[in-house]
Amino acid sequence: MRIDISKFGESLLSRPVGREAALALQANVLRNLKEGEIVELDFGKVLVLTPSWGDEFISVLREKYGDRVRMLPSDNPSVQLTFKTIGEKVPA
């Protein structure tokens, strides 16, 4: 299942908003996720991603879905740097 992260905004800034976005995604979209299905996070239309938002959003999803959560490649330096900062592999 591919998730367009820009649905949560183009500038993703704060930890509380990242947590709220992750919980909303779980309640409204991921509840229909099939067992073993991969969750692809598409940051392609995001302009600004801070480590606070990214860490909170991704860690909430990782707690429940583990390695099934995958980031799609992005050429945005803000997204790439955030992935590095929070210890996520930067997809090629």
N, C-alpha and C. Protein backbone atom coordinates (compact mmCIF):
# COMPACT_ATOMS: atom_id res chain seq x y z
N MET A 1 0.85 -1.16 0.00
CA MET A 1 0.00 0.00 0.00
C MET A 1 0.90 1.23 0.00
N ARG A 2 0.68 2.11 -0.96
CA ARG A 2 1.47 3.34 -1.06
C ARG A 2 0.71 4.48 -0.39
N ILE A 3 1.42 5.23 0.46
CA ILE A 3 0.84 6.35 1.17
C ILE A 3 1.53 7.63 0.71
N ASP A 4 0.74 8.58 0.17
CA ASP A 4 1.25 9.89 -0.23
C ASP A 4 1.32 10.75 1.03
N ILE A 5 2.52 10.98 1.53
CA ILE A 5 2.71 11.70 2.78
C ILE A 5 2.30 13.16 2.66
N SER A 6 2.28 13.71 1.46
CA SER A 6 1.88 15.12 1.30
C SER A 6 0.41 15.34 1.67
N LYS A 7 -0.35 14.26 1.86
CA LYS A 7 -1.72 14.42 2.35
C LYS A 7 -1.74 15.08 3.73
N PHE A 8 -0.63 14.97 4.45
CA PHE A 8 -0.52 15.58 5.77
C PHE A 8 0.06 16.98 5.71
N GLY A 9 0.41 17.45 4.51
CA GLY A 9 0.96 18.79 4.31
C GLY A 9 2.27 18.73 3.55
N GLU A 10 2.67 19.90 3.04
CA GLU A 10 3.94 19.98 2.31
C GLU A 10 5.10 20.31 3.25
N SER A 11 4.79 20.94 4.38
CA SER A 11 5.79 21.26 5.39
C SER A 11 5.43 20.51 6.67
N LEU A 12 6.22 19.50 6.98
CA LEU A 12 5.93 18.62 8.11
C LEU A 12 6.96 18.92 9.20
N LEU A 13 6.50 19.58 10.27
CA LEU A 13 7.45 20.23 11.16
C LEU A 13 7.54 19.70 12.59
N SER A 14 6.44 19.45 13.26
CA SER A 14 6.53 19.21 14.70
C SER A 14 6.24 17.76 15.10
N ARG A 15 6.84 17.37 16.20
CA ARG A 15 6.67 16.02 16.74
C ARG A 15 5.20 15.70 17.05
N PRO A 16 4.45 16.58 17.74
CA PRO A 16 3.05 16.26 18.03
C PRO A 16 2.21 16.07 16.77
N VAL A 17 2.48 16.86 15.75
CA VAL A 17 1.71 16.73 14.51
C VAL A 17 2.10 15.44 13.78
N GLY A 18 3.37 15.04 13.88
CA GLY A 18 3.80 13.77 13.29
C GLY A 18 3.12 12.58 13.94
N ARG A 19 3.02 12.63 15.26
CA ARG A 19 2.34 11.54 15.99
C ARG A 19 0.87 11.50 15.63
N GLU A 20 0.24 12.67 15.58
CA GLU A 20 -1.18 12.74 15.22
C GLU A 20 -1.41 12.18 13.82
N ALA A 21 -0.52 12.50 12.88
CA ALA A 21 -0.64 12.00 11.51
C ALA A 21 -0.52 10.48 11.48
N ALA A 22 0.43 9.93 12.22
CA ALA A 22 0.62 8.48 12.24
C ALA A 22 -0.59 7.77 12.83
N LEU A 23 -1.13 8.31 13.90
CA LEU A 23 -2.30 7.69 14.53
C LEU A 23 -3.52 7.78 13.63
N ALA A 24 -3.68 8.91 12.94
CA ALA A 24 -4.80 9.06 12.00
C ALA A 24 -4.66 8.08 10.84
N LEU A 25 -3.45 7.92 10.34
CA LEU A 25 -3.20 6.98 9.24
C LEU A 25 -3.54 5.56 9.68
N GLN A 26 -3.14 5.18 10.88
CA GLN A 26 -3.45 3.84 11.38
C GLN A 26 -4.96 3.63 11.50
N ALA A 27 -5.65 4.61 12.03
CA ALA A 27 -7.08 4.47 12.28
C ALA A 27 -7.91 4.49 11.01
N ASN A 28 -7.49 5.27 10.02
CA ASN A 28 -8.34 5.47 8.85
C ASN A 28 -7.92 4.72 7.59
N VAL A 29 -6.65 4.38 7.47
CA VAL A 29 -6.17 3.75 6.23
C VAL A 29 -5.57 2.37 6.51
N LEU A 30 -4.66 2.31 7.45
CA LEU A 30 -3.92 1.07 7.67
C LEU A 30 -4.73 -0.01 8.37
N ARG A 31 -5.89 0.33 8.87
CA ARG A 31 -6.73 -0.70 9.50
C ARG A 31 -7.16 -1.74 8.47
N ASN A 32 -7.12 -1.38 7.19
CA ASN A 32 -7.48 -2.30 6.11
C ASN A 32 -6.27 -3.03 5.52
N LEU A 33 -5.10 -2.82 6.12
CA LEU A 33 -3.87 -3.43 5.62
C LEU A 33 -3.93 -4.95 5.80
N LYS A 34 -3.60 -5.65 4.73
CA LYS A 34 -3.59 -7.11 4.79
C LYS A 34 -2.31 -7.59 5.47
N GLU A 35 -2.38 -8.75 6.09
CA GLU A 35 -1.21 -9.31 6.75
C GLU A 35 -0.07 -9.50 5.74
N GLY A 36 1.10 -9.00 6.10
CA GLY A 36 2.27 -9.11 5.24
C GLY A 36 2.38 -8.02 4.19
N GLU A 37 1.34 -7.21 4.01
CA GLU A 37 1.37 -6.14 3.00
C GLU A 37 2.37 -5.06 3.41
N ILE A 38 3.11 -4.56 2.44
CA ILE A 38 4.13 -3.53 2.66
C ILE A 38 3.47 -2.15 2.67
N VAL A 39 3.96 -1.28 3.55
CA VAL A 39 3.51 0.11 3.61
C VAL A 39 4.63 0.96 3.01
N GLU A 40 4.38 1.55 1.84
CA GLU A 40 5.36 2.40 1.17
C GLU A 40 5.02 3.86 1.45
N LEU A 41 5.98 4.57 2.05
CA LEU A 41 5.78 5.97 2.37
C LEU A 41 6.40 6.82 1.27
N ASP A 42 5.56 7.60 0.59
CA ASP A 42 5.99 8.42 -0.55
C ASP A 42 6.08 9.88 -0.11
N PHE A 43 7.31 10.38 0.04
CA PHE A 43 7.56 11.75 0.45
C PHE A 43 7.81 12.66 -0.77
N GLY A 44 7.47 12.21 -1.96
CA GLY A 44 7.79 12.91 -3.20
C GLY A 44 7.28 14.33 -3.31
N LYS A 45 6.12 14.63 -2.74
CA LYS A 45 5.54 15.97 -2.86
C LYS A 45 5.76 16.81 -1.60
N VAL A 46 6.51 16.28 -0.64
CA VAL A 46 6.80 17.02 0.59
C VAL A 46 7.94 17.99 0.33
N LEU A 47 7.77 19.25 0.75
CA LEU A 47 8.81 20.26 0.56
C LEU A 47 9.78 20.30 1.73
N VAL A 48 9.25 20.23 2.96
CA VAL A 48 10.09 20.30 4.16
C VAL A 48 9.68 19.18 5.11
N LEU A 49 10.67 18.42 5.55
CA LEU A 49 10.45 17.35 6.53
C LEU A 49 11.49 17.52 7.63
N THR A 50 11.02 17.76 8.86
CA THR A 50 11.96 17.90 9.98
C THR A 50 12.18 16.55 10.65
N PRO A 51 13.33 16.39 11.30
CA PRO A 51 13.57 15.15 12.03
C PRO A 51 12.52 14.88 13.10
N SER A 52 12.00 15.92 13.73
CA SER A 52 10.98 15.72 14.77
C SER A 52 9.75 15.03 14.20
N TRP A 53 9.21 15.58 13.12
CA TRP A 53 8.01 15.01 12.50
C TRP A 53 8.31 13.61 11.98
N GLY A 54 9.41 13.49 11.24
CA GLY A 54 9.75 12.20 10.64
C GLY A 54 9.98 11.11 11.66
N ASP A 55 10.71 11.43 12.72
CA ASP A 55 10.98 10.43 13.76
C ASP A 55 9.70 9.98 14.43
N GLU A 56 8.85 10.91 14.78
CA GLU A 56 7.60 10.55 15.47
C GLU A 56 6.69 9.73 14.56
N PHE A 57 6.51 10.18 13.33
CA PHE A 57 5.63 9.50 12.38
C PHE A 57 6.12 8.09 12.08
N ILE A 58 7.38 7.97 11.72
CA ILE A 58 7.93 6.68 11.32
C ILE A 58 8.03 5.73 12.51
N SER A 59 8.43 6.24 13.68
CA SER A 59 8.58 5.34 14.83
C SER A 59 7.24 4.77 15.29
N VAL A 60 6.17 5.56 15.22
CA VAL A 60 4.84 5.04 15.58
C VAL A 60 4.46 3.91 14.62
N LEU A 61 4.73 4.10 13.33
CA LEU A 61 4.40 3.06 12.36
C LEU A 61 5.30 1.83 12.51
N ARG A 62 6.58 2.06 12.78
CA ARG A 62 7.52 0.94 12.95
C ARG A 62 7.15 0.09 14.16
N GLU A 63 6.64 0.73 15.22
CA GLU A 63 6.24 -0.04 16.41
C GLU A 63 5.21 -1.10 16.07
N LYS A 64 4.29 -0.75 15.19
CA LYS A 64 3.20 -1.67 14.87
C LYS A 64 3.51 -2.55 13.66
N TYR A 65 4.17 -1.99 12.64
CA TYR A 65 4.33 -2.71 11.37
C TYR A 65 5.77 -3.14 11.09
N GLY A 66 6.71 -2.72 11.89
CA GLY A 66 8.10 -3.16 11.75
C GLY A 66 8.71 -2.89 10.38
N ASP A 67 9.38 -3.90 9.84
CA ASP A 67 10.08 -3.76 8.56
C ASP A 67 9.15 -3.68 7.36
N ARG A 68 7.86 -3.80 7.60
CA ARG A 68 6.90 -3.66 6.49
C ARG A 68 6.77 -2.20 6.07
N VAL A 69 7.30 -1.28 6.88
CA VAL A 69 7.27 0.15 6.55
C VAL A 69 8.52 0.47 5.75
N ARG A 70 8.33 1.00 4.56
CA ARG A 70 9.46 1.33 3.68
C ARG A 70 9.28 2.73 3.10
N MET A 71 10.38 3.46 3.02
CA MET A 71 10.36 4.78 2.41
C MET A 71 10.71 4.66 0.93
N LEU A 72 9.98 5.37 0.10
CA LEU A 72 10.30 5.42 -1.32
C LEU A 72 11.40 6.46 -1.54
N PRO A 73 12.19 6.31 -2.60
CA PRO A 73 13.26 7.28 -2.88
C PRO A 73 12.71 8.70 -3.05
N SER A 74 13.50 9.66 -2.61
CA SER A 74 13.16 11.07 -2.76
C SER A 74 14.43 11.83 -3.10
N ASP A 75 14.33 12.79 -4.03
CA ASP A 75 15.50 13.60 -4.36
C ASP A 75 15.53 14.89 -3.54
N ASN A 76 14.61 15.03 -2.59
CA ASN A 76 14.53 16.22 -1.76
C ASN A 76 15.59 16.14 -0.65
N PRO A 77 16.51 17.12 -0.59
CA PRO A 77 17.56 17.09 0.43
C PRO A 77 17.00 17.12 1.86
N SER A 78 15.90 17.82 2.08
CA SER A 78 15.28 17.88 3.41
C SER A 78 14.84 16.49 3.86
N VAL A 79 14.23 15.75 2.96
CA VAL A 79 13.77 14.40 3.26
C VAL A 79 14.96 13.47 3.48
N GLN A 80 15.95 13.55 2.60
CA GLN A 80 17.13 12.68 2.72
C GLN A 80 17.88 12.93 4.02
N LEU A 81 18.07 14.20 4.37
CA LEU A 81 18.80 14.53 5.60
C LEU A 81 18.02 14.08 6.84
N THR A 82 16.71 14.22 6.80
CA THR A 82 15.89 13.76 7.93
C THR A 82 16.03 12.25 8.10
N PHE A 83 15.97 11.50 7.01
CA PHE A 83 16.14 10.04 7.10
C PHE A 83 17.48 9.71 7.76
N LYS A 84 18.55 10.38 7.33
CA LYS A 84 19.87 10.12 7.91
C LYS A 84 19.89 10.47 9.40
N THR A 85 19.31 11.62 9.74
CA THR A 85 19.32 12.10 11.12
C THR A 85 18.60 11.15 12.06
N ILE A 86 17.50 10.56 11.61
CA ILE A 86 16.72 9.68 12.49
C ILE A 86 17.13 8.22 12.36
N GLY A 87 18.18 7.97 11.58
CA GLY A 87 18.72 6.61 11.50
C GLY A 87 18.00 5.69 10.53
N GLU A 88 17.27 6.28 9.60
CA GLU A 88 16.60 5.48 8.57
C GLU A 88 17.50 5.40 7.34
N LYS A 89 17.49 4.28 6.69
CA LYS A 89 18.26 4.13 5.45
C LYS A 89 17.65 5.04 4.39
N VAL A 90 18.51 5.78 3.70
CA VAL A 90 18.05 6.65 2.62
C VAL A 90 17.87 5.79 1.38
N PRO A 91 16.61 5.66 0.92
CA PRO A 91 16.37 4.80 -0.25
C PRO A 91 17.02 5.36 -1.51
N ALA A 92 17.55 4.48 -2.32
CA ALA A 92 18.22 4.90 -3.56
C ALA A 92 17.24 5.00 -4.70
